Amino acid sequence: MQIYSIQKLIPEKSIVVFSPHFDDVLFMLGGYILELKNVGLLETKNFHFNLIFSRSNYMAHSGAANYDTSLERIKLATGNRIIEDQDCINELLGPFNYVYQIMGEDECFARGKTMADSEMEFPHGMYEDFSRNDELIFERMKQLVRQWAGQEDTALIFPIAIKEHIDHFITREAGLEVAREVGGKAKAGFYFQEDKPYGGIATEEELTRTEDFVQVNGLESRLYAYNPQAVIDLAFKHYITQVEEVYSTGISGRALYWKQQMQSASPLDRICLYPQSG
């Protein structure tokens, strides 16, 4: 495990992010993008965002309304969240400097999932928790990833799914299965980025499962310096209907953990590369 310069972290020119939700571009790669901007290298990359679970009925602190799956509720939540997301990405990259593709899957709460026992509002889930609907989404996700796997000079970015938010887990596992399937024939690189704010509030058991995922799949951990407070500030500025106070704790806590582990002068984030890709 080593610390990479931001210039060498993701060598591919095109970066394709499989973003489960409207805030996950920021919470996955926001720190990386800001560091690229700081060193004047933002224009060396092309960004394409695949927004997977785009039909949302969730808004923070809404209580029972988050179980309302009516079309009116979905219009309200989705409309607010898409504008918040695009405003944030516009600040990160500039308007019209990226491709933003909406995939149209129902988000977890729109599929009737229930809250996990956690200080954050999210539903936990792994394979044993898949409904038939989840299985169909998973198959569509794999087909989407296959379409990108043959692209040269391209990095495919998936969440590493700390704490196993079920939508993040589906997205991660779709990337992993296609990476295994194509093996050394993949022209694109498959990367798994630590997703925020989960890392800083995960239990030891949950973090162990994440490390097991890294080790079992032979992933190469790449650490990089970033400014967690800048990500927190953007989150609370733009994602008015989504953020909770615990987000700040989770983001800063994980960055401090890696700083201490690596005895670094700066807070750190981690992205992992699947072997025989990239």
C-alpha atoms as a PDB file:
ATOM      1  CA  MET A   1       0.000   0.000   0.000  1.00  0.00           C
ATOM      2  CA  GLN A   2       1.477   3.330  -0.997  1.00  0.00           C
ATOM      3  CA  ILE A   3       0.597   6.982  -1.398  1.00  0.00           C
ATOM      4  CA  TYR A   4       0.262   8.089  -5.030  1.00  0.00           C
ATOM      5  CA  SER A   5       0.620  11.547  -6.453  1.00  0.00           C
ATOM      6  CA  ILE A   6      -2.633  12.837  -7.880  1.00  0.00           C
ATOM      7  CA  GLN A   7      -1.009  12.875 -11.340  1.00  0.00           C
ATOM      8  CA  LYS A   8      -0.330   9.110 -11.273  1.00  0.00           C
ATOM      9  CA  LEU A   9      -3.316   7.878  -9.296  1.00  0.00           C
ATOM     10  CA  ILE A  10      -5.598   7.209 -12.288  1.00  0.00           C
ATOM     11  CA  PRO A  11      -3.491   7.268 -15.453  1.00  0.00           C
ATOM     12  CA  GLU A  12      -6.408   6.760 -17.842  1.00  0.00           C
ATOM     13  CA  LYS A  13      -7.685   9.825 -19.702  1.00  0.00           C
ATOM     14  CA  SER A  14     -11.402   8.964 -19.580  1.00  0.00           C
ATOM     15  CA  ILE A  15     -13.014   8.463 -16.180  1.00  0.00           C
ATOM     16  CA  VAL A  16     -16.428   6.779 -16.031  1.00  0.00           C
ATOM     17  CA  VAL A  17     -18.105   6.865 -12.621  1.00  0.00           C
ATOM     18  CA  PHE A  18     -20.894   4.418 -11.775  1.00  0.00           C
ATOM     19  CA  SER A  19     -22.625   6.620  -9.222  1.00  0.00           C
ATOM     20  CA  PRO A  20     -25.370   4.874  -7.250  1.00  0.00           C
ATOM     21  CA  HIS A  21     -27.060   8.101  -6.104  1.00  0.00           C
ATOM     22  CA  PHE A  22     -27.213  11.802  -6.809  1.00  0.00           C
ATOM     23  CA  ASP A  23     -24.476  12.680  -4.310  1.00  0.00           C
ATOM     24  CA  ASP A  24     -21.998   9.877  -4.969  1.00  0.00           C
ATOM     25  CA  VAL A  25     -19.842  11.611  -7.562  1.00  0.00           C
ATOM     26  CA  LEU A  26     -18.821  14.020  -4.804  1.00  0.00           C
ATOM     27  CA  PHE A  27     -18.617  11.334  -2.116  1.00  0.00           C
ATOM     28  CA  MET A  28     -16.568   9.011  -4.290  1.00  0.00           C
ATOM     29  CA  LEU A  29     -14.303  11.176  -6.453  1.00  0.00           C
ATOM     30  CA  GLY A  30     -14.890  14.739  -5.283  1.00  0.00           C
ATOM     31  CA  GLY A  31     -11.598  14.876  -3.409  1.00  0.00           C
ATOM     32  CA  TYR A  32      -9.697  13.529  -6.408  1.00  0.00           C
ATOM     33  CA  ILE A  33     -11.318  16.036  -8.763  1.00  0.00           C
ATOM     34  CA  LEU A  34     -10.519  18.945  -6.449  1.00  0.00           C
ATOM     35  CA  GLU A  35      -6.879  17.854  -6.227  1.00  0.00           C
ATOM     36  CA  LEU A  36      -6.649  17.593 -10.022  1.00  0.00           C
ATOM     37  CA  LYS A  37      -8.011  21.131 -10.209  1.00  0.00           C
ATOM     38  CA  ASN A  38      -5.479  22.354  -7.643  1.00  0.00           C
ATOM     39  CA  VAL A  39      -2.539  21.167  -9.779  1.00  0.00           C
ATOM     40  CA  GLY A  40      -4.042  22.406 -13.057  1.00  0.00           C
ATOM     41  CA  LEU A  41      -4.682  18.974 -14.555  1.00  0.00           C
ATOM     42  CA  LEU A  42      -8.471  18.886 -14.702  1.00  0.00           C
ATOM     43  CA  GLU A  43      -8.510  19.418 -18.471  1.00  0.00           C
ATOM     44  CA  THR A  44      -6.379  16.287 -18.982  1.00  0.00           C
ATOM     45  CA  LYS A  45      -9.373  14.069 -18.074  1.00  0.00           C
ATOM     46  CA  ASN A  46     -12.780  13.411 -19.609  1.00  0.00           C
ATOM     47  CA  PHE A  47     -15.583  12.609 -17.143  1.00  0.00           C
ATOM     48  CA  HIS A  48     -18.710  10.540 -17.786  1.00  0.00           C
ATOM     49  CA  PHE A  49     -21.153   9.938 -14.931  1.00  0.00           C
ATOM     50  CA  ASN A  50     -23.661   7.067 -15.000  1.00  0.00           C
ATOM     51  CA  LEU A  51     -26.308   7.920 -12.388  1.00  0.00           C
ATOM     52  CA  ILE A  52     -27.763   4.490 -11.630  1.00  0.00           C
ATOM     53  CA  PHE A  53     -30.596   4.744  -9.070  1.00  0.00           C
ATOM     54  CA  SER A  54     -32.072   7.977 -10.346  1.00  0.00           C
ATOM     55  CA  ARG A  55     -35.754   7.554  -9.462  1.00  0.00           C
ATOM     56  CA  SER A  56     -35.692   8.677  -5.843  1.00  0.00           C
ATOM     57  CA  ASN A  57     -38.293   9.244  -3.162  1.00  0.00           C
ATOM     58  CA  TYR A  58     -35.720   9.993  -0.449  1.00  0.00           C
ATOM     59  CA  MET A  59     -35.078  13.321   1.243  1.00  0.00           C
ATOM     60  CA  ALA A  60     -33.251  13.534   4.573  1.00  0.00           C
ATOM     61  CA  HIS A  61     -35.260  14.031   7.751  1.00  0.00           C
ATOM     62  CA  SER A  62     -38.535  13.275   5.960  1.00  0.00           C
ATOM     63  CA  GLY A  63     -39.558  10.460   8.295  1.00  0.00           C
ATOM     64  CA  ALA A  64     -42.439   8.366   7.008  1.00  0.00           C
ATOM     65  CA  ALA A  65     -42.494  10.301   3.716  1.00  0.00           C
ATOM     66  CA  ASN A  66     -39.431   8.307   2.671  1.00  0.00           C
ATOM     67  CA  TYR A  67     -41.709   5.270   2.408  1.00  0.00           C
ATOM     68  CA  ASP A  68     -44.089   7.109   0.083  1.00  0.00           C
ATOM     69  CA  THR A  69     -43.523   5.539  -3.356  1.00  0.00           C
ATOM     70  CA  SER A  70     -46.157   7.573  -5.171  1.00  0.00           C
ATOM     71  CA  LEU A  71     -45.274   9.263  -8.443  1.00  0.00           C
ATOM     72  CA  GLU A  72     -45.762  12.686  -6.875  1.00  0.00           C
ATOM     73  CA  ARG A  73     -43.224  11.924  -4.143  1.00  0.00           C
ATOM     74  CA  ILE A  74     -40.727  10.570  -6.689  1.00  0.00           C
ATOM     75  CA  LYS A  75     -41.155  13.706  -8.818  1.00  0.00           C
ATOM     76  CA  LEU A  76     -40.540  15.915  -5.806  1.00  0.00           C
ATOM     77  CA  ALA A  77     -37.466  14.072  -4.496  1.00  0.00           C
ATOM     78  CA  THR A  78     -35.908  13.335  -7.870  1.00  0.00           C
ATOM     79  CA  GLY A  79     -36.410  16.885  -9.108  1.00  0.00           C
ATOM     80  CA  ASN A  80     -34.716  18.375  -6.054  1.00  0.00           C
ATOM     81  CA  ARG A  81     -31.891  15.880  -6.015  1.00  0.00           C
ATOM     82  CA  ILE A  82     -30.966  16.083  -9.689  1.00  0.00           C
ATOM     83  CA  ILE A  83     -30.633  19.875  -9.507  1.00  0.00           C
ATOM     84  CA  GLU A  84     -28.538  19.613  -6.332  1.00  0.00           C
ATOM     85  CA  ASP A  85     -26.291  17.037  -7.998  1.00  0.00           C
ATOM     86  CA  GLN A  86     -25.753  18.966 -11.195  1.00  0.00           C
ATOM     87  CA  ASP A  87     -25.071  22.191  -9.296  1.00  0.00           C
ATOM     88  CA  CYS A  88     -22.391  20.439  -7.257  1.00  0.00           C
ATOM     89  CA  ILE A  89     -20.764  18.783 -10.272  1.00  0.00           C
ATOM     90  CA  ASN A  90     -20.888  22.109 -12.118  1.00  0.00           C
ATOM     91  CA  GLU A  91     -18.861  23.615  -9.290  1.00  0.00           C
ATOM     92  CA  LEU A  92     -16.413  20.711  -9.410  1.00  0.00           C
ATOM     93  CA  LEU A  93     -15.908  20.553 -13.180  1.00  0.00           C
ATOM     94  CA  GLY A  94     -17.673  23.531 -14.726  1.00  0.00           C
ATOM     95  CA  PRO A  95     -20.969  23.341 -16.646  1.00  0.00           C
ATOM     96  CA  PHE A  96     -20.948  21.285 -19.851  1.00  0.00           C
ATOM     97  CA  ASN A  97     -17.509  19.801 -19.091  1.00  0.00           C
ATOM     98  CA  TYR A  98     -18.849  16.319 -18.410  1.00  0.00           C
ATOM     99  CA  VAL A  99     -21.425  13.780 -19.594  1.00  0.00           C
ATOM    100  CA  TYR A 100     -24.257  13.033 -17.183  1.00  0.00           C
ATOM    101  CA  GLN A 101     -26.312   9.935 -18.017  1.00  0.00           C
ATOM    102  CA  ILE A 102     -29.406   8.970 -16.035  1.00  0.00           C
ATOM    103  CA  MET A 103     -30.047   5.212 -15.980  1.00  0.00           C
ATOM    104  CA  GLY A 104     -33.555   5.320 -14.465  1.00  0.00           C
ATOM    105  CA  GLU A 105     -33.433   2.562 -11.824  1.00  0.00           C
ATOM    106  CA  ASP A 106     -35.592   2.891  -8.700  1.00  0.00           C
ATOM    107  CA  GLU A 107     -33.588   3.876  -5.633  1.00  0.00           C
ATOM    108  CA  CYS A 108     -33.656   1.640  -2.558  1.00  0.00           C
ATOM    109  CA  PHE A 109     -36.515   3.342  -0.716  1.00  0.00           C
ATOM    110  CA  ALA A 110     -38.547   3.585  -3.926  1.00  0.00           C
ATOM    111  CA  ARG A 111     -38.150  -0.228  -4.040  1.00  0.00           C
ATOM    112  CA  GLY A 112     -39.567  -0.518  -0.527  1.00  0.00           C
ATOM    113  CA  LYS A 113     -36.320  -1.119   1.385  1.00  0.00           C
ATOM    114  CA  THR A 114     -36.236  -0.351   5.108  1.00  0.00           C
ATOM    115  CA  MET A 115     -33.709   1.602   7.155  1.00  0.00           C
ATOM    116  CA  ALA A 116     -30.655  -0.130   8.580  1.00  0.00           C
ATOM    117  CA  ASP A 117     -29.925   0.077  12.306  1.00  0.00           C
ATOM    118  CA  SER A 118     -27.454   2.928  11.852  1.00  0.00           C
ATOM    119  CA  GLU A 119     -26.898   6.566  12.685  1.00  0.00           C
ATOM    120  CA  MET A 120     -27.323   7.230   8.948  1.00  0.00           C
ATOM    121  CA  GLU A 121     -30.507   6.780   6.955  1.00  0.00           C
ATOM    122  CA  PHE A 122     -29.795   3.947   4.518  1.00  0.00           C
ATOM    123  CA  PRO A 123     -30.812   0.314   3.881  1.00  0.00           C
ATOM    124  CA  HIS A 124     -28.185  -2.399   4.357  1.00  0.00           C
ATOM    125  CA  GLY A 125     -28.154  -5.363   1.978  1.00  0.00           C
ATOM    126  CA  MET A 126     -26.022  -8.073   0.345  1.00  0.00           C
ATOM    127  CA  TYR A 127     -26.775 -11.008  -1.950  1.00  0.00           C
ATOM    128  CA  GLU A 128     -28.956 -12.809   0.576  1.00  0.00           C
ATOM    129  CA  ASP A 129     -31.142  -9.715   0.778  1.00  0.00           C
ATOM    130  CA  PHE A 130     -31.775  -9.412  -2.979  1.00  0.00           C
ATOM    131  CA  SER A 131     -35.367  -9.397  -4.120  1.00  0.00           C
ATOM    132  CA  ARG A 132     -36.260 -10.477  -7.637  1.00  0.00           C
ATOM    133  CA  ASN A 133     -36.299  -6.795  -8.585  1.00  0.00           C
ATOM    134  CA  ASP A 134     -32.783  -6.371  -7.197  1.00  0.00           C
ATOM    135  CA  GLU A 135     -31.615  -9.362  -9.230  1.00  0.00           C
ATOM    136  CA  LEU A 136     -32.981  -7.836 -12.428  1.00  0.00           C
ATOM    137  CA  ILE A 137     -31.279  -4.511 -11.661  1.00  0.00           C
ATOM    138  CA  PHE A 138     -28.043  -6.405 -11.040  1.00  0.00           C
ATOM    139  CA  GLU A 139     -28.231  -8.068 -14.457  1.00  0.00           C
ATOM    140  CA  ARG A 140     -28.902  -4.732 -16.165  1.00  0.00           C
ATOM    141  CA  MET A 141     -25.990  -3.203 -14.262  1.00  0.00           C
ATOM    142  CA  LYS A 142     -23.614  -5.910 -15.479  1.00  0.00           C
ATOM    143  CA  GLN A 143     -24.726  -5.351 -19.051  1.00  0.00           C
ATOM    144  CA  LEU A 144     -24.048  -1.632 -18.684  1.00  0.00           C
ATOM    145  CA  VAL A 145     -20.555  -2.297 -17.317  1.00  0.00           C
ATOM    146  CA  ARG A 146     -19.793  -4.725 -20.163  1.00  0.00           C
ATOM    147  CA  GLN A 147     -20.456  -1.931 -22.639  1.00  0.00           C
ATOM    148  CA  TRP A 148     -17.625   0.069 -21.070  1.00  0.00           C
ATOM    149  CA  ALA A 149     -15.130  -2.720 -20.337  1.00  0.00           C
ATOM    150  CA  GLY A 150     -13.714  -2.687 -23.863  1.00  0.00           C
ATOM    151  CA  GLN A 151     -12.946   1.032 -23.908  1.00  0.00           C
ATOM    152  CA  GLU A 152      -9.234   1.824 -24.066  1.00  0.00           C
ATOM    153  CA  ASP A 153      -7.600   4.470 -21.876  1.00  0.00           C
ATOM    154  CA  THR A 154     -10.673   4.422 -19.631  1.00  0.00           C
ATOM    155  CA  ALA A 155     -11.051   4.058 -15.856  1.00  0.00           C
ATOM    156  CA  LEU A 156     -14.314   2.584 -14.563  1.00  0.00           C
ATOM    157  CA  ILE A 157     -15.003   3.725 -10.994  1.00  0.00           C
ATOM    158  CA  PHE A 158     -17.280   1.783  -8.642  1.00  0.00           C
ATOM    159  CA  PRO A 159     -18.031   2.267  -4.930  1.00  0.00           C
ATOM    160  CA  ILE A 160     -16.267  -0.150  -2.588  1.00  0.00           C
ATOM    161  CA  ALA A 161     -19.533  -0.273  -0.599  1.00  0.00           C
ATOM    162  CA  ILE A 162     -18.367   0.229   2.986  1.00  0.00           C
ATOM    163  CA  LYS A 163     -21.306  -0.673   5.297  1.00  0.00           C
ATOM    164  CA  GLU A 164     -23.039  -2.319   2.304  1.00  0.00           C
ATOM    165  CA  HIS A 165     -25.718   0.191   1.403  1.00  0.00           C
ATOM    166  CA  ILE A 166     -27.659  -2.153  -0.874  1.00  0.00           C
ATOM    167  CA  ASP A 167     -27.554   0.162  -3.911  1.00  0.00           C
ATOM    168  CA  HIS A 168     -23.780   0.576  -3.493  1.00  0.00           C
ATOM    169  CA  PHE A 169     -23.404  -3.185  -3.039  1.00  0.00           C
ATOM    170  CA  ILE A 170     -25.289  -3.909  -6.282  1.00  0.00           C
ATOM    171  CA  THR A 171     -23.130  -1.391  -8.138  1.00  0.00           C
ATOM    172  CA  ARG A 172     -19.879  -2.754  -6.686  1.00  0.00           C
ATOM    173  CA  GLU A 173     -20.702  -6.381  -7.350  1.00  0.00           C
ATOM    174  CA  ALA A 174     -21.756  -5.665 -10.942  1.00  0.00           C
ATOM    175  CA  GLY A 175     -18.340  -4.105 -11.533  1.00  0.00           C
ATOM    176  CA  LEU A 176     -16.546  -6.975  -9.823  1.00  0.00           C
ATOM    177  CA  GLU A 177     -18.397  -9.707 -11.727  1.00  0.00           C
ATOM    178  CA  VAL A 178     -17.649  -8.111 -15.095  1.00  0.00           C
ATOM    179  CA  ALA A 179     -14.007  -7.569 -14.096  1.00  0.00           C
ATOM    180  CA  ARG A 180     -13.738 -11.284 -13.303  1.00  0.00           C
ATOM    181  CA  GLU A 181     -15.629 -12.213 -16.437  1.00  0.00           C
ATOM    182  CA  VAL A 182     -13.426 -10.278 -18.861  1.00  0.00           C
ATOM    183  CA  GLY A 183     -10.199 -10.838 -16.916  1.00  0.00           C
ATOM    184  CA  GLY A 184      -7.068  -9.848 -18.782  1.00  0.00           C
ATOM    185  CA  LYS A 185      -9.130  -9.040 -21.887  1.00  0.00           C
ATOM    186  CA  ALA A 186     -10.463  -5.857 -20.299  1.00  0.00           C
ATOM    187  CA  LYS A 187      -9.123  -2.728 -21.944  1.00  0.00           C
ATOM    188  CA  ALA A 188     -10.563  -0.464 -19.264  1.00  0.00           C
ATOM    189  CA  GLY A 189      -9.278  -0.282 -15.697  1.00  0.00           C
ATOM    190  CA  PHE A 190     -11.637  -1.321 -12.902  1.00  0.00           C
ATOM    191  CA  TYR A 191     -11.311   0.805  -9.759  1.00  0.00           C
ATOM    192  CA  PHE A 192     -13.162   0.570  -6.447  1.00  0.00           C
ATOM    193  CA  GLN A 193     -13.258   3.862  -4.548  1.00  0.00           C
ATOM    194  CA  GLU A 194     -13.974   4.176  -0.832  1.00  0.00           C
ATOM    195  CA  ASP A 195     -17.420   5.730  -0.573  1.00  0.00           C
ATOM    196  CA  LYS A 196     -18.167   8.446   1.936  1.00  0.00           C
ATOM    197  CA  PRO A 197     -19.247   9.027   4.592  1.00  0.00           C
ATOM    198  CA  TYR A 198     -19.534   5.334   5.450  1.00  0.00           C
ATOM    199  CA  GLY A 199     -15.847   4.665   6.174  1.00  0.00           C
ATOM    200  CA  GLY A 200     -15.643   6.928   9.185  1.00  0.00           C
ATOM    201  CA  ILE A 201     -18.719   5.504  10.924  1.00  0.00           C
ATOM    202  CA  ALA A 202     -18.358   1.811  10.032  1.00  0.00           C
ATOM    203  CA  THR A 203     -17.977  -0.825  12.731  1.00  0.00           C
ATOM    204  CA  GLU A 204     -14.877  -3.014  12.988  1.00  0.00           C
ATOM    205  CA  GLU A 205     -16.893  -5.895  11.545  1.00  0.00           C
ATOM    206  CA  GLU A 206     -17.965  -3.802   8.555  1.00  0.00           C
ATOM    207  CA  LEU A 207     -14.440  -2.526   7.933  1.00  0.00           C
ATOM    208  CA  THR A 208     -13.130  -6.095   8.144  1.00  0.00           C
ATOM    209  CA  ARG A 209     -15.564  -7.123   5.416  1.00  0.00           C
ATOM    210  CA  THR A 210     -14.248  -4.278   3.258  1.00  0.00           C
ATOM    211  CA  GLU A 211     -10.642  -5.346   3.814  1.00  0.00           C
ATOM    212  CA  ASP A 212     -11.617  -8.942   3.036  1.00  0.00           C
ATOM    213  CA  PHE A 213     -13.103  -7.714  -0.248  1.00  0.00           C
ATOM    214  CA  VAL A 214      -9.817  -5.989  -1.089  1.00  0.00           C
ATOM    215  CA  GLN A 215      -7.657  -8.983  -0.142  1.00  0.00           C
ATOM    216  CA  VAL A 216      -9.776 -11.772  -1.654  1.00  0.00           C
ATOM    217  CA  ASN A 217      -9.944  -9.983  -4.995  1.00  0.00           C
ATOM    218  CA  GLY A 218      -6.278  -9.009  -5.017  1.00  0.00           C
ATOM    219  CA  LEU A 219      -7.015  -5.307  -5.293  1.00  0.00           C
ATOM    220  CA  GLU A 220      -4.131  -2.845  -5.279  1.00  0.00           C
ATOM    221  CA  SER A 221      -4.754  -0.110  -2.696  1.00  0.00           C
ATOM    222  CA  ARG A 222      -3.758   3.373  -3.807  1.00  0.00           C
ATOM    223  CA  LEU A 223      -3.849   6.161  -1.230  1.00  0.00           C
ATOM    224  CA  TYR A 224      -3.837   9.841  -2.128  1.00  0.00           C
ATOM    225  CA  ALA A 225      -3.844  13.151  -0.315  1.00  0.00           C
ATOM    226  CA  TYR A 226      -7.016  15.238  -0.409  1.00  0.00           C
ATOM    227  CA  ASN A 227      -8.922  17.859   1.555  1.00  0.00           C
ATOM    228  CA  PRO A 228     -11.890  16.239   3.332  1.00  0.00           C
ATOM    229  CA  GLN A 229     -13.197  19.586   4.582  1.00  0.00           C
ATOM    230  CA  ALA A 230     -13.563  20.820   0.995  1.00  0.00           C
ATOM    231  CA  VAL A 231     -15.760  17.782   0.239  1.00  0.00           C
ATOM    232  CA  ILE A 232     -17.793  18.362   3.407  1.00  0.00           C
ATOM    233  CA  ASP A 233     -18.282  22.019   2.504  1.00  0.00           C
ATOM    234  CA  LEU A 234     -19.542  21.163  -0.987  1.00  0.00           C
ATOM    235  CA  ALA A 235     -21.887  18.535   0.434  1.00  0.00           C
ATOM    236  CA  PHE A 236     -23.538  20.921   2.887  1.00  0.00           C
ATOM    237  CA  LYS A 237     -23.643  23.713   0.318  1.00  0.00           C
ATOM    238  CA  HIS A 238     -25.349  21.746  -2.448  1.00  0.00           C
ATOM    239  CA  TYR A 239     -27.102  18.633  -1.117  1.00  0.00           C
ATOM    240  CA  ILE A 240     -29.659  20.364   1.045  1.00  0.00           C
ATOM    241  CA  THR A 241     -32.211  17.545   0.859  1.00  0.00           C
ATOM    242  CA  GLN A 242     -29.683  14.770   1.459  1.00  0.00           C
ATOM    243  CA  VAL A 243     -26.981  15.488   4.028  1.00  0.00           C
ATOM    244  CA  GLU A 244     -27.048  14.781   7.750  1.00  0.00           C
ATOM    245  CA  GLU A 245     -24.592  15.989  10.396  1.00  0.00           C
ATOM    246  CA  VAL A 246     -23.086  12.516  10.609  1.00  0.00           C
ATOM    247  CA  TYR A 247     -21.693  12.974   7.100  1.00  0.00           C
ATOM    248  CA  SER A 248     -19.065  15.367   8.428  1.00  0.00           C
ATOM    249  CA  THR A 249     -18.015  12.877  11.103  1.00  0.00           C
ATOM    250  CA  GLY A 250     -17.786  10.015   8.629  1.00  0.00           C
ATOM    251  CA  ILE A 251     -15.770  11.873   6.008  1.00  0.00           C
ATOM    252  CA  SER A 252     -13.254  13.457   8.356  1.00  0.00           C
ATOM    253  CA  GLY A 253     -12.903  10.316  10.484  1.00  0.00           C
ATOM    254  CA  ARG A 254     -11.867   8.047   7.634  1.00  0.00           C
ATOM    255  CA  ALA A 255      -9.447  10.620   6.204  1.00  0.00           C
ATOM    256  CA  LEU A 256      -7.799  10.913   9.613  1.00  0.00           C
ATOM    257  CA  TYR A 257      -7.612   7.119   9.955  1.00  0.00           C
ATOM    258  CA  TRP A 258      -5.602   6.774   6.737  1.00  0.00           C
ATOM    259  CA  LYS A 259      -3.436   9.742   7.665  1.00  0.00           C
ATOM    260  CA  GLN A 260      -2.504   8.040  10.917  1.00  0.00           C
ATOM    261  CA  GLN A 261      -2.065   4.595   9.352  1.00  0.00           C
ATOM    262  CA  MET A 262       0.347   5.920   6.751  1.00  0.00           C
ATOM    263  CA  GLN A 263       1.966   8.521   9.044  1.00  0.00           C
ATOM    264  CA  SER A 264       1.148  11.093   6.402  1.00  0.00           C
ATOM    265  CA  ALA A 265       1.303  14.856   6.724  1.00  0.00           C
ATOM    266  CA  SER A 266      -2.069  15.113   4.942  1.00  0.00           C
ATOM    267  CA  PRO A 267      -5.486  13.441   5.208  1.00  0.00           C
ATOM    268  CA  LEU A 268      -5.820  10.548   2.750  1.00  0.00           C
ATOM    269  CA  ASP A 269      -8.415   8.754   0.656  1.00  0.00           C
ATOM    270  CA  ARG A 270      -8.203   5.302  -0.950  1.00  0.00           C
ATOM    271  CA  ILE A 271      -9.038   3.830  -4.338  1.00  0.00           C
ATOM    272  CA  CYS A 272      -8.312   0.207  -5.295  1.00  0.00           C
ATOM    273  CA  LEU A 273      -7.402  -1.200  -8.719  1.00  0.00           C
ATOM    274  CA  TYR A 274      -8.570  -4.633  -9.848  1.00  0.00           C
ATOM    275  CA  PRO A 275      -5.622  -6.759 -11.063  1.00  0.00           C
ATOM    276  CA  GLN A 276      -5.107  -7.301 -14.797  1.00  0.00           C
ATOM    277  CA  SER A 277      -6.979  -4.118 -15.605  1.00  0.00           C
ATOM    278  CA  GLY A 278      -5.903  -0.580 -16.244  1.00  0.00           C
END
